[in-house]
Amino acid sequence: MDKEIERNIVNNSIYMVSLFNNAKEKNSNKKKNDSYGKKDNTDNFTVINLLKLQILMYLLEAYYMVCEPTEKELYDSNWNAWEYGPANKQLYNYFRDYGGSINILLSSEDINKITNLPDYNKNYIDEIYKIFGKLSVLDLVSIIHMNESPWNEIIHTNKMSNKSIDNITIDKEKTKQWFEKVFKIKSGDKK
């Protein structure tokens, strides 16, 4: 039996954003019921901006490829090495109005797309949200900037030769291998 998979990165990312928006709403309601004067840092973890979304979706595809070794990729689009990390042009174009620091909100049209996303995709997105969702943008950037990461290799190689990096595609197989090595997930495993 073939599994139904949604390969459009925008549709996958809308579900990821919904997880953050739901957490923000729950946190907001909780704060209303809590006593005054308590300091709560959870707002930092319920915000999803474009940079954080790009990195999470990049990690999602890597995780998927490690867990599903017969699959070449999750998305029907590529990753480019941009200045701060991996960037998917489709994802960037869809959410670019939010910039790098503005919390992404979903329209009612976006929310309707979530209902059509297969549970198969949602399960993987839920896993990445649980593993990496509470990390700050700076923590996620640090992961991408690690030595030997495919993005880092492209940046360093091309900075040495003063080449523009915006249109250099990050090799998905290298990303899969890097993710598997760094996070010690064996091919075919799913947490």
N, C-alpha and C. Protein backbone atom coordinates (compact mmCIF):
# COMPACT_ATOMS: atom_id res chain seq x y z
N MET A 1 0.85 -1.19 0.00
CA MET A 1 0.00 0.00 0.00
C MET A 1 0.89 1.24 0.00
N ASP A 2 0.66 2.13 -0.96
CA ASP A 2 1.44 3.36 -1.04
C ASP A 2 0.96 4.35 0.00
N LYS A 3 1.94 5.04 0.57
CA LYS A 3 1.58 6.06 1.55
C LYS A 3 1.40 7.39 0.82
N GLU A 4 0.42 8.13 1.27
CA GLU A 4 0.15 9.44 0.68
C GLU A 4 1.12 10.44 1.29
N ILE A 5 1.87 11.14 0.42
CA ILE A 5 2.86 12.11 0.88
C ILE A 5 2.63 13.44 0.16
N GLU A 6 2.61 14.50 0.93
CA GLU A 6 2.53 15.85 0.36
C GLU A 6 3.96 16.35 0.19
N ARG A 7 4.35 16.70 -1.03
CA ARG A 7 5.72 17.10 -1.31
C ARG A 7 5.89 18.61 -1.46
N ASN A 8 4.80 19.35 -1.34
CA ASN A 8 4.89 20.81 -1.45
C ASN A 8 5.35 21.39 -0.11
N ILE A 9 6.47 22.10 -0.13
CA ILE A 9 7.04 22.61 1.11
C ILE A 9 6.15 23.63 1.80
N VAL A 10 5.45 24.43 1.02
CA VAL A 10 4.57 25.45 1.61
C VAL A 10 3.46 24.78 2.41
N ASN A 11 2.84 23.78 1.84
CA ASN A 11 1.76 23.09 2.55
C ASN A 11 2.26 22.43 3.83
N ASN A 12 3.46 21.85 3.79
CA ASN A 12 4.06 21.27 4.99
C ASN A 12 4.36 22.35 6.02
N SER A 13 4.87 23.47 5.57
CA SER A 13 5.28 24.53 6.50
C SER A 13 4.08 25.19 7.17
N ILE A 14 2.97 25.25 6.49
CA ILE A 14 1.76 25.83 7.09
C ILE A 14 1.37 25.03 8.34
N TYR A 15 1.48 23.72 8.25
CA TYR A 15 1.18 22.89 9.42
C TYR A 15 2.17 23.19 10.55
N MET A 16 3.46 23.32 10.21
CA MET A 16 4.47 23.64 11.23
C MET A 16 4.12 24.97 11.90
N VAL A 17 3.78 25.97 11.13
CA VAL A 17 3.42 27.28 11.70
C VAL A 17 2.21 27.14 12.61
N SER A 18 1.25 26.30 12.21
CA SER A 18 0.04 26.12 13.03
C SER A 18 0.39 25.56 14.41
N LEU A 19 1.41 24.70 14.49
CA LEU A 19 1.82 24.15 15.78
C LEU A 19 2.31 25.27 16.70
N PHE A 20 3.08 26.20 16.16
CA PHE A 20 3.57 27.33 16.95
C PHE A 20 2.43 28.27 17.33
N ASN A 21 1.53 28.54 16.38
CA ASN A 21 0.41 29.43 16.68
C ASN A 21 -0.51 28.83 17.74
N ASN A 22 -0.73 27.51 17.69
CA ASN A 22 -1.54 26.85 18.71
C ASN A 22 -0.86 26.92 20.08
N ALA A 23 0.46 26.72 20.11
CA ALA A 23 1.20 26.80 21.37
C ALA A 23 1.15 28.21 21.94
N LYS A 24 1.23 29.21 21.07
CA LYS A 24 1.16 30.60 21.51
C LYS A 24 -0.21 30.90 22.11
N GLU A 25 -1.24 30.40 21.47
CA GLU A 25 -2.61 30.60 21.97
C GLU A 25 -2.80 29.93 23.33
N LYS A 26 -2.32 28.71 23.45
CA LYS A 26 -2.42 27.99 24.74
C LYS A 26 -1.64 28.72 25.82
N ASN A 27 -0.47 29.22 25.48
CA ASN A 27 0.37 29.94 26.43
C ASN A 27 -0.31 31.24 26.86
N SER A 28 -0.94 31.91 25.92
CA SER A 28 -1.64 33.16 26.21
C SER A 28 -2.80 32.92 27.18
N ASN A 29 -3.55 31.86 26.93
CA ASN A 29 -4.67 31.52 27.82
C ASN A 29 -4.17 31.11 29.20
N LYS A 30 -3.05 30.40 29.25
CA LYS A 30 -2.47 29.98 30.53
C LYS A 30 -2.03 31.20 31.34
N LYS A 31 -1.42 32.16 30.67
CA LYS A 31 -0.94 33.35 31.36
C LYS A 31 -2.10 34.14 31.97
N LYS A 32 -3.24 34.15 31.29
CA LYS A 32 -4.41 34.85 31.82
C LYS A 32 -4.86 34.23 33.14
N ASN A 33 -4.69 32.92 33.25
CA ASN A 33 -5.13 32.20 34.44
C ASN A 33 -4.07 32.15 35.55
N ASP A 34 -2.80 32.43 35.20
CA ASP A 34 -1.72 32.42 36.20
C ASP A 34 -1.77 33.67 37.04
N SER A 35 -1.14 33.59 38.20
CA SER A 35 -1.08 34.77 39.06
C SER A 35 -0.13 35.80 38.48
N TYR A 36 -0.34 37.04 38.84
CA TYR A 36 0.49 38.15 38.34
C TYR A 36 1.88 38.10 38.94
N GLY A 37 2.84 38.64 38.18
CA GLY A 37 4.19 38.78 38.68
C GLY A 37 5.12 37.63 38.37
N LYS A 38 4.58 36.53 37.85
CA LYS A 38 5.45 35.41 37.50
C LYS A 38 6.11 35.69 36.15
N LYS A 39 7.39 35.40 36.09
CA LYS A 39 8.12 35.56 34.83
C LYS A 39 7.99 34.26 34.04
N ASP A 40 7.67 34.38 32.77
CA ASP A 40 7.48 33.22 31.92
C ASP A 40 8.22 33.44 30.61
N ASN A 41 9.15 32.56 30.29
CA ASN A 41 9.94 32.68 29.07
C ASN A 41 9.37 31.88 27.90
N THR A 42 8.22 31.29 28.03
CA THR A 42 7.71 30.42 26.98
C THR A 42 7.35 31.18 25.71
N ASP A 43 7.12 32.48 25.79
CA ASP A 43 6.84 33.24 24.57
C ASP A 43 7.97 33.10 23.56
N ASN A 44 9.20 32.99 24.03
CA ASN A 44 10.33 32.83 23.12
C ASN A 44 10.19 31.58 22.28
N PHE A 45 9.48 30.59 22.77
CA PHE A 45 9.40 29.31 22.08
C PHE A 45 8.08 29.13 21.32
N THR A 46 7.22 30.09 21.38
CA THR A 46 5.96 29.98 20.65
C THR A 46 5.94 30.91 19.44
N VAL A 47 7.05 31.57 19.20
CA VAL A 47 7.15 32.48 18.05
C VAL A 47 7.83 31.73 16.91
N ILE A 48 7.27 31.87 15.73
CA ILE A 48 7.87 31.27 14.53
C ILE A 48 8.04 32.37 13.49
N ASN A 49 9.29 32.68 13.19
CA ASN A 49 9.56 33.65 12.13
C ASN A 49 10.11 32.91 10.92
N LEU A 50 10.37 33.64 9.86
CA LEU A 50 10.77 33.02 8.61
C LEU A 50 12.10 32.26 8.72
N LEU A 51 13.07 32.82 9.40
CA LEU A 51 14.36 32.14 9.55
C LEU A 51 14.20 30.82 10.31
N LYS A 52 13.47 30.87 11.40
CA LYS A 52 13.24 29.65 12.19
C LYS A 52 12.48 28.61 11.36
N LEU A 53 11.50 29.06 10.63
CA LEU A 53 10.72 28.15 9.80
C LEU A 53 11.59 27.50 8.73
N GLN A 54 12.45 28.29 8.08
CA GLN A 54 13.33 27.74 7.04
C GLN A 54 14.20 26.63 7.63
N ILE A 55 14.80 26.89 8.78
CA ILE A 55 15.70 25.91 9.38
C ILE A 55 14.93 24.65 9.81
N LEU A 56 13.78 24.84 10.43
CA LEU A 56 12.99 23.67 10.86
C LEU A 56 12.57 22.81 9.67
N MET A 57 12.18 23.44 8.58
CA MET A 57 11.75 22.67 7.42
C MET A 57 12.93 21.97 6.75
N TYR A 58 14.10 22.59 6.80
CA TYR A 58 15.33 21.96 6.31
C TYR A 58 15.65 20.72 7.15
N LEU A 59 15.58 20.86 8.48
CA LEU A 59 15.84 19.73 9.37
C LEU A 59 14.78 18.64 9.20
N LEU A 60 13.55 19.04 8.94
CA LEU A 60 12.47 18.08 8.71
C LEU A 60 12.78 17.20 7.50
N GLU A 61 13.20 17.81 6.42
CA GLU A 61 13.49 17.00 5.23
C GLU A 61 14.66 16.05 5.50
N ALA A 62 15.68 16.54 6.19
CA ALA A 62 16.83 15.68 6.51
C ALA A 62 16.38 14.50 7.38
N TYR A 63 15.58 14.79 8.40
CA TYR A 63 15.07 13.75 9.29
C TYR A 63 14.25 12.72 8.50
N TYR A 64 13.39 13.20 7.64
CA TYR A 64 12.56 12.33 6.82
C TYR A 64 13.43 11.41 5.95
N MET A 65 14.46 11.97 5.31
CA MET A 65 15.30 11.17 4.43
C MET A 65 16.09 10.11 5.19
N VAL A 66 16.47 10.42 6.43
CA VAL A 66 17.17 9.42 7.25
C VAL A 66 16.20 8.30 7.64
N CYS A 67 15.01 8.67 8.06
CA CYS A 67 14.02 7.68 8.53
C CYS A 67 13.42 6.87 7.39
N GLU A 68 13.41 7.44 6.21
CA GLU A 68 12.83 6.78 5.03
C GLU A 68 13.93 6.60 3.98
N PRO A 69 14.83 5.65 4.17
CA PRO A 69 16.00 5.54 3.30
C PRO A 69 15.70 5.26 1.83
N THR A 70 14.50 4.77 1.53
CA THR A 70 14.17 4.53 0.12
C THR A 70 13.67 5.79 -0.57
N GLU A 71 13.43 6.84 0.20
CA GLU A 71 12.96 8.11 -0.35
C GLU A 71 14.15 9.03 -0.62
N LYS A 72 14.14 9.66 -1.76
CA LYS A 72 15.23 10.58 -2.12
C LYS A 72 15.07 11.92 -1.42
N GLU A 73 13.85 12.37 -1.23
CA GLU A 73 13.59 13.68 -0.65
C GLU A 73 12.14 13.75 -0.19
N LEU A 74 11.84 14.79 0.56
CA LEU A 74 10.46 15.04 0.98
C LEU A 74 9.81 16.09 0.09
N TYR A 75 10.55 17.16 -0.19
CA TYR A 75 9.98 18.30 -0.92
C TYR A 75 10.28 18.23 -2.41
N ASP A 76 9.41 18.88 -3.16
CA ASP A 76 9.60 18.97 -4.60
C ASP A 76 10.39 20.22 -4.99
N SER A 77 11.17 20.74 -4.07
CA SER A 77 11.98 21.93 -4.33
C SER A 77 13.31 21.81 -3.58
N ASN A 78 14.25 22.66 -3.94
CA ASN A 78 15.60 22.57 -3.40
C ASN A 78 15.89 23.61 -2.33
N TRP A 79 17.02 23.40 -1.68
CA TRP A 79 17.54 24.33 -0.67
C TRP A 79 18.74 25.06 -1.24
N ASN A 80 18.81 26.35 -0.97
CA ASN A 80 19.96 27.15 -1.37
C ASN A 80 20.69 27.62 -0.13
N ALA A 81 21.99 27.84 -0.29
CA ALA A 81 22.82 28.33 0.81
C ALA A 81 22.75 29.86 0.81
N TRP A 82 21.92 30.41 1.69
CA TRP A 82 21.85 31.85 1.84
C TRP A 82 22.69 32.27 3.04
N GLU A 83 22.81 33.54 3.25
CA GLU A 83 23.73 34.08 4.25
C GLU A 83 23.56 33.49 5.65
N TYR A 84 22.34 33.35 6.14
CA TYR A 84 22.14 32.90 7.53
C TYR A 84 21.82 31.42 7.66
N GLY A 85 21.58 30.77 6.55
CA GLY A 85 21.27 29.36 6.62
C GLY A 85 20.63 28.86 5.35
N PRO A 86 20.17 27.63 5.35
CA PRO A 86 19.51 27.06 4.18
C PRO A 86 18.20 27.80 3.92
N ALA A 87 17.93 28.06 2.65
CA ALA A 87 16.69 28.75 2.29
C ALA A 87 16.04 28.04 1.11
N ASN A 88 14.75 27.90 1.21
CA ASN A 88 13.96 27.35 0.13
C ASN A 88 13.21 28.53 -0.49
N LYS A 89 13.42 28.74 -1.78
CA LYS A 89 12.84 29.92 -2.44
C LYS A 89 11.32 29.92 -2.43
N GLN A 90 10.68 28.76 -2.59
CA GLN A 90 9.21 28.69 -2.52
C GLN A 90 8.72 29.14 -1.14
N LEU A 91 9.36 28.63 -0.12
CA LEU A 91 9.00 28.96 1.25
C LEU A 91 9.23 30.45 1.51
N TYR A 92 10.38 30.94 1.09
CA TYR A 92 10.70 32.36 1.27
C TYR A 92 9.67 33.24 0.57
N ASN A 93 9.37 32.94 -0.68
CA ASN A 93 8.42 33.77 -1.43
C ASN A 93 7.03 33.76 -0.81
N TYR A 94 6.62 32.64 -0.26
CA TYR A 94 5.29 32.54 0.34
C TYR A 94 5.17 33.36 1.63
N PHE A 95 6.23 33.34 2.44
CA PHE A 95 6.18 33.99 3.76
C PHE A 95 7.03 35.25 3.87
N ARG A 96 7.57 35.75 2.78
CA ARG A 96 8.54 36.85 2.86
C ARG A 96 7.99 38.13 3.46
N ASP A 97 6.72 38.34 3.41
CA ASP A 97 6.15 39.56 4.00
C ASP A 97 6.35 39.60 5.52
N TYR A 98 6.65 38.46 6.10
CA TYR A 98 6.87 38.41 7.55
C TYR A 98 8.30 38.74 7.93
N GLY A 99 9.20 38.76 6.97
CA GLY A 99 10.58 39.11 7.28
C GLY A 99 11.19 38.14 8.27
N GLY A 100 12.31 38.54 8.85
CA GLY A 100 13.04 37.66 9.74
C GLY A 100 12.62 37.72 11.19
N SER A 101 11.91 38.76 11.58
CA SER A 101 11.65 38.90 13.01
C SER A 101 10.17 38.95 13.38
N ILE A 102 9.32 38.90 12.40
CA ILE A 102 7.88 39.00 12.67
C ILE A 102 7.28 37.60 12.78
N ASN A 103 6.48 37.39 13.82
CA ASN A 103 5.79 36.13 14.02
C ASN A 103 4.84 35.86 12.84
N ILE A 104 4.93 34.67 12.27
CA ILE A 104 4.08 34.31 11.13
C ILE A 104 2.70 33.92 11.64
N LEU A 105 1.71 34.49 11.02
CA LEU A 105 0.32 34.16 11.32
C LEU A 105 -0.30 33.53 10.08
N LEU A 106 -1.27 32.70 10.24
CA LEU A 106 -1.90 32.02 9.13
C LEU A 106 -3.24 32.63 8.78
N SER A 107 -3.53 32.66 7.50
CA SER A 107 -4.83 33.12 7.03
C SER A 107 -5.82 31.95 7.11
N SER A 108 -7.08 32.23 6.95
CA SER A 108 -8.08 31.15 6.96
C SER A 108 -7.85 30.21 5.77
N GLU A 109 -7.38 30.75 4.66
CA GLU A 109 -7.05 29.92 3.50
C GLU A 109 -5.91 28.95 3.84
N ASP A 110 -4.91 29.45 4.56
CA ASP A 110 -3.81 28.59 4.99
C ASP A 110 -4.32 27.48 5.90
N ILE A 111 -5.15 27.83 6.84
CA ILE A 111 -5.67 26.85 7.80
C ILE A 111 -6.45 25.75 7.09
N ASN A 112 -7.16 26.11 6.03
CA ASN A 112 -7.88 25.10 5.25
C ASN A 112 -6.94 24.10 4.60
N LYS A 113 -5.73 24.54 4.23
CA LYS A 113 -4.75 23.63 3.61
C LYS A 113 -4.29 22.55 4.58
N ILE A 114 -4.32 22.85 5.86
CA ILE A 114 -3.87 21.90 6.86
C ILE A 114 -4.75 20.65 6.86
N THR A 115 -6.03 20.82 6.63
CA THR A 115 -6.94 19.67 6.65
C THR A 115 -6.62 18.68 5.54
N ASN A 116 -6.02 19.16 4.44
CA ASN A 116 -5.68 18.28 3.33
C ASN A 116 -4.29 17.65 3.44
N LEU A 117 -3.51 18.05 4.44
CA LEU A 117 -2.17 17.50 4.60
C LEU A 117 -2.29 16.08 5.17
N PRO A 118 -1.65 15.11 4.52
CA PRO A 118 -1.74 13.73 5.01
C PRO A 118 -1.17 13.58 6.43
N ASP A 119 -1.75 12.67 7.18
CA ASP A 119 -1.26 12.38 8.54
C ASP A 119 0.20 11.94 8.52
N TYR A 120 0.58 11.28 7.45
CA TYR A 120 1.97 10.85 7.30
C TYR A 120 2.93 12.04 7.44
N ASN A 121 2.64 13.13 6.74
CA ASN A 121 3.46 14.34 6.84
C ASN A 121 3.35 14.96 8.23
N LYS A 122 2.14 15.04 8.74
CA LYS A 122 1.92 15.65 10.05
C LYS A 122 2.73 14.95 11.13
N ASN A 123 2.82 13.62 11.06
CA ASN A 123 3.59 12.87 12.06
C ASN A 123 5.06 13.27 12.06
N TYR A 124 5.63 13.42 10.89
CA TYR A 124 7.03 13.85 10.80
C TYR A 124 7.20 15.29 11.29
N ILE A 125 6.29 16.14 10.92
CA ILE A 125 6.37 17.55 11.35
C ILE A 125 6.23 17.63 12.87
N ASP A 126 5.32 16.86 13.43
CA ASP A 126 5.15 16.83 14.89
C ASP A 126 6.46 16.42 15.57
N GLU A 127 7.15 15.43 15.00
CA GLU A 127 8.42 14.97 15.58
C GLU A 127 9.46 16.09 15.59
N ILE A 128 9.61 16.77 14.48
CA ILE A 128 10.61 17.85 14.40
C ILE A 128 10.23 18.99 15.33
N TYR A 129 8.95 19.26 15.42
CA TYR A 129 8.49 20.31 16.35
C TYR A 129 8.86 19.94 17.78
N LYS A 130 8.65 18.68 18.16
CA LYS A 130 8.99 18.24 19.52
C LYS A 130 10.49 18.31 19.78
N ILE A 131 11.29 17.92 18.79
CA ILE A 131 12.75 17.87 18.97
C ILE A 131 13.38 19.26 18.93
N PHE A 132 12.98 20.09 17.97
CA PHE A 132 13.66 21.36 17.73
C PHE A 132 12.81 22.61 17.96
N GLY A 133 11.52 22.45 18.12
CA GLY A 133 10.62 23.60 18.18
C GLY A 133 10.88 24.57 19.32
N LYS A 134 11.35 24.07 20.45
CA LYS A 134 11.57 24.95 21.60
C LYS A 134 12.93 25.64 21.57
N LEU A 135 13.74 25.31 20.59
CA LEU A 135 15.03 25.99 20.46
C LEU A 135 14.82 27.40 19.91
N SER A 136 15.64 28.31 20.34
CA SER A 136 15.56 29.67 19.82
C SER A 136 16.12 29.70 18.40
N VAL A 137 15.87 30.78 17.71
CA VAL A 137 16.43 30.96 16.37
C VAL A 137 17.95 30.87 16.43
N LEU A 138 18.55 31.49 17.43
CA LEU A 138 20.00 31.46 17.55
C LEU A 138 20.53 30.04 17.75
N ASP A 139 19.82 29.24 18.54
CA ASP A 139 20.21 27.84 18.72
C ASP A 139 20.14 27.07 17.40
N LEU A 140 19.07 27.31 16.65
CA LEU A 140 18.91 26.63 15.36
C LEU A 140 19.98 27.07 14.37
N VAL A 141 20.28 28.36 14.36
CA VAL A 141 21.34 28.87 13.48
C VAL A 141 22.67 28.21 13.85
N SER A 142 22.91 28.05 15.14
CA SER A 142 24.15 27.40 15.59
C SER A 142 24.26 25.96 15.06
N ILE A 143 23.15 25.27 15.01
CA ILE A 143 23.15 23.90 14.48
C ILE A 143 23.55 23.92 13.00
N ILE A 144 22.95 24.81 12.25
CA ILE A 144 23.22 24.90 10.81
C ILE A 144 24.65 25.35 10.55
N HIS A 145 25.19 26.16 11.47
CA HIS A 145 26.54 26.70 11.30
C HIS A 145 27.62 25.75 11.80
N MET A 146 27.25 24.56 12.24
CA MET A 146 28.23 23.58 12.74
C MET A 146 29.23 23.24 11.65
N ASN A 147 30.46 22.92 12.08
CA ASN A 147 31.44 22.42 11.13
C ASN A 147 30.87 21.18 10.46
N GLU A 148 31.19 21.02 9.22
CA GLU A 148 30.79 19.88 8.40
C GLU A 148 29.33 19.90 7.96
N SER A 149 28.55 20.89 8.38
CA SER A 149 27.18 20.95 7.86
C SER A 149 27.27 21.31 6.38
N PRO A 150 26.38 20.80 5.55
CA PRO A 150 26.43 21.12 4.12
C PRO A 150 26.35 22.62 3.84
N TRP A 151 25.53 23.33 4.60
CA TRP A 151 25.44 24.78 4.43
C TRP A 151 26.79 25.43 4.77
N ASN A 152 27.37 25.06 5.88
CA ASN A 152 28.64 25.63 6.32
C ASN A 152 29.76 25.38 5.31
N GLU A 153 29.80 24.19 4.75
CA GLU A 153 30.82 23.87 3.75
C GLU A 153 30.69 24.77 2.52
N ILE A 154 29.46 24.99 2.07
CA ILE A 154 29.24 25.86 0.91
C ILE A 154 29.67 27.29 1.23
N ILE A 155 29.29 27.78 2.38
CA ILE A 155 29.62 29.15 2.77
C ILE A 155 31.13 29.34 2.79
N HIS A 156 31.83 28.46 3.48
CA HIS A 156 33.28 28.62 3.61
C HIS A 156 34.01 28.44 2.28
N THR A 157 33.59 27.49 1.49
CA THR A 157 34.23 27.27 0.19
C THR A 157 34.06 28.48 -0.71
N ASN A 158 32.88 29.07 -0.71
CA ASN A 158 32.61 30.16 -1.64
C ASN A 158 33.06 31.52 -1.12
N LYS A 159 33.14 31.69 0.19
CA LYS A 159 33.68 32.94 0.73
C LYS A 159 35.15 33.06 0.38
N MET A 160 35.86 31.94 0.38
CA MET A 160 37.28 31.94 0.05
C MET A 160 37.50 32.41 -1.39
N SER A 161 36.55 32.11 -2.26
CA SER A 161 36.70 32.50 -3.67
C SER A 161 35.84 33.71 -4.02
N ASN A 162 35.23 34.34 -3.02
CA ASN A 162 34.38 35.52 -3.21
C ASN A 162 33.23 35.31 -4.19
N LYS A 163 32.70 34.09 -4.25
CA LYS A 163 31.57 33.78 -5.12
C LYS A 163 30.27 34.08 -4.38
N SER A 164 29.26 34.45 -5.14
CA SER A 164 27.92 34.62 -4.58
C SER A 164 27.36 33.24 -4.26
N ILE A 165 26.66 33.13 -3.14
CA ILE A 165 26.15 31.82 -2.73
C ILE A 165 24.66 31.64 -2.93
N ASP A 166 23.93 32.71 -3.21
CA ASP A 166 22.47 32.66 -3.20
C ASP A 166 21.85 31.59 -4.09
N ASN A 167 22.50 31.22 -5.16
CA ASN A 167 21.92 30.24 -6.07
C ASN A 167 22.59 28.88 -6.02
N ILE A 168 23.43 28.66 -5.03
CA ILE A 168 24.08 27.36 -4.89
C ILE A 168 23.13 26.42 -4.14
N THR A 169 22.84 25.29 -4.77
CA THR A 169 21.93 24.30 -4.19
C THR A 169 22.69 23.44 -3.19
N ILE A 170 22.07 23.21 -2.05
CA ILE A 170 22.63 22.33 -1.03
C ILE A 170 22.26 20.89 -1.40
N ASP A 171 23.24 20.04 -1.46
CA ASP A 171 23.03 18.65 -1.82
C ASP A 171 22.20 17.95 -0.74
N LYS A 172 21.08 17.38 -1.13
CA LYS A 172 20.19 16.73 -0.15
C LYS A 172 20.79 15.47 0.44
N GLU A 173 21.53 14.73 -0.34
CA GLU A 173 22.16 13.51 0.18
C GLU A 173 23.21 13.86 1.24
N LYS A 174 23.97 14.93 1.02
CA LYS A 174 24.94 15.37 2.03
C LYS A 174 24.23 15.83 3.29
N THR A 175 23.09 16.49 3.11
CA THR A 175 22.30 16.94 4.25
C THR A 175 21.83 15.74 5.06
N LYS A 176 21.34 14.74 4.38
CA LYS A 176 20.88 13.52 5.05
C LYS A 176 22.02 12.88 5.85
N GLN A 177 23.19 12.74 5.22
CA GLN A 177 24.34 12.12 5.88
C GLN A 177 24.79 12.93 7.10
N TRP A 178 24.81 14.25 6.96
CA TRP A 178 25.20 15.13 8.07
C TRP A 178 24.22 14.98 9.23
N PHE A 179 22.93 15.03 8.94
CA PHE A 179 21.90 14.92 9.96
C PHE A 179 22.01 13.59 10.70
N GLU A 180 22.17 12.53 9.94
CA GLU A 180 22.28 11.18 10.51
C GLU A 180 23.49 11.10 11.46
N LYS A 181 24.60 11.68 11.05
CA LYS A 181 25.82 11.64 11.85
C LYS A 181 25.70 12.50 13.11
N VAL A 182 25.24 13.72 12.96
CA VAL A 182 25.17 14.66 14.08
C VAL A 182 24.13 14.25 15.12
N PHE A 183 22.97 13.81 14.68
CA PHE A 183 21.88 13.49 15.60
C PHE A 183 21.76 11.99 15.89
N LYS A 184 22.70 11.23 15.37
CA LYS A 184 22.83 9.80 15.68
C LYS A 184 21.53 9.02 15.47
N ILE A 185 20.91 9.30 14.36
CA ILE A 185 19.71 8.57 13.96
C ILE A 185 20.13 7.61 12.86
N LYS A 186 19.77 6.36 13.01
CA LYS A 186 20.14 5.37 12.02
C LYS A 186 19.13 5.35 10.89
N SER A 187 19.63 5.10 9.72
CA SER A 187 18.78 5.02 8.55
C SER A 187 17.65 4.03 8.79
N GLY A 188 16.44 4.46 8.49
CA GLY A 188 15.26 3.63 8.69
C GLY A 188 14.62 3.74 10.06
N ASP A 189 15.28 4.45 10.99
CA ASP A 189 14.71 4.65 12.33
C ASP A 189 13.74 5.81 12.32
N LYS A 190 12.77 5.73 13.17
CA LYS A 190 11.90 6.87 13.44
C LYS A 190 11.72 6.90 14.94
N LYS A 191 12.01 8.06 15.51
CA LYS A 191 11.90 8.21 16.97
C LYS A 191 10.47 8.10 17.42
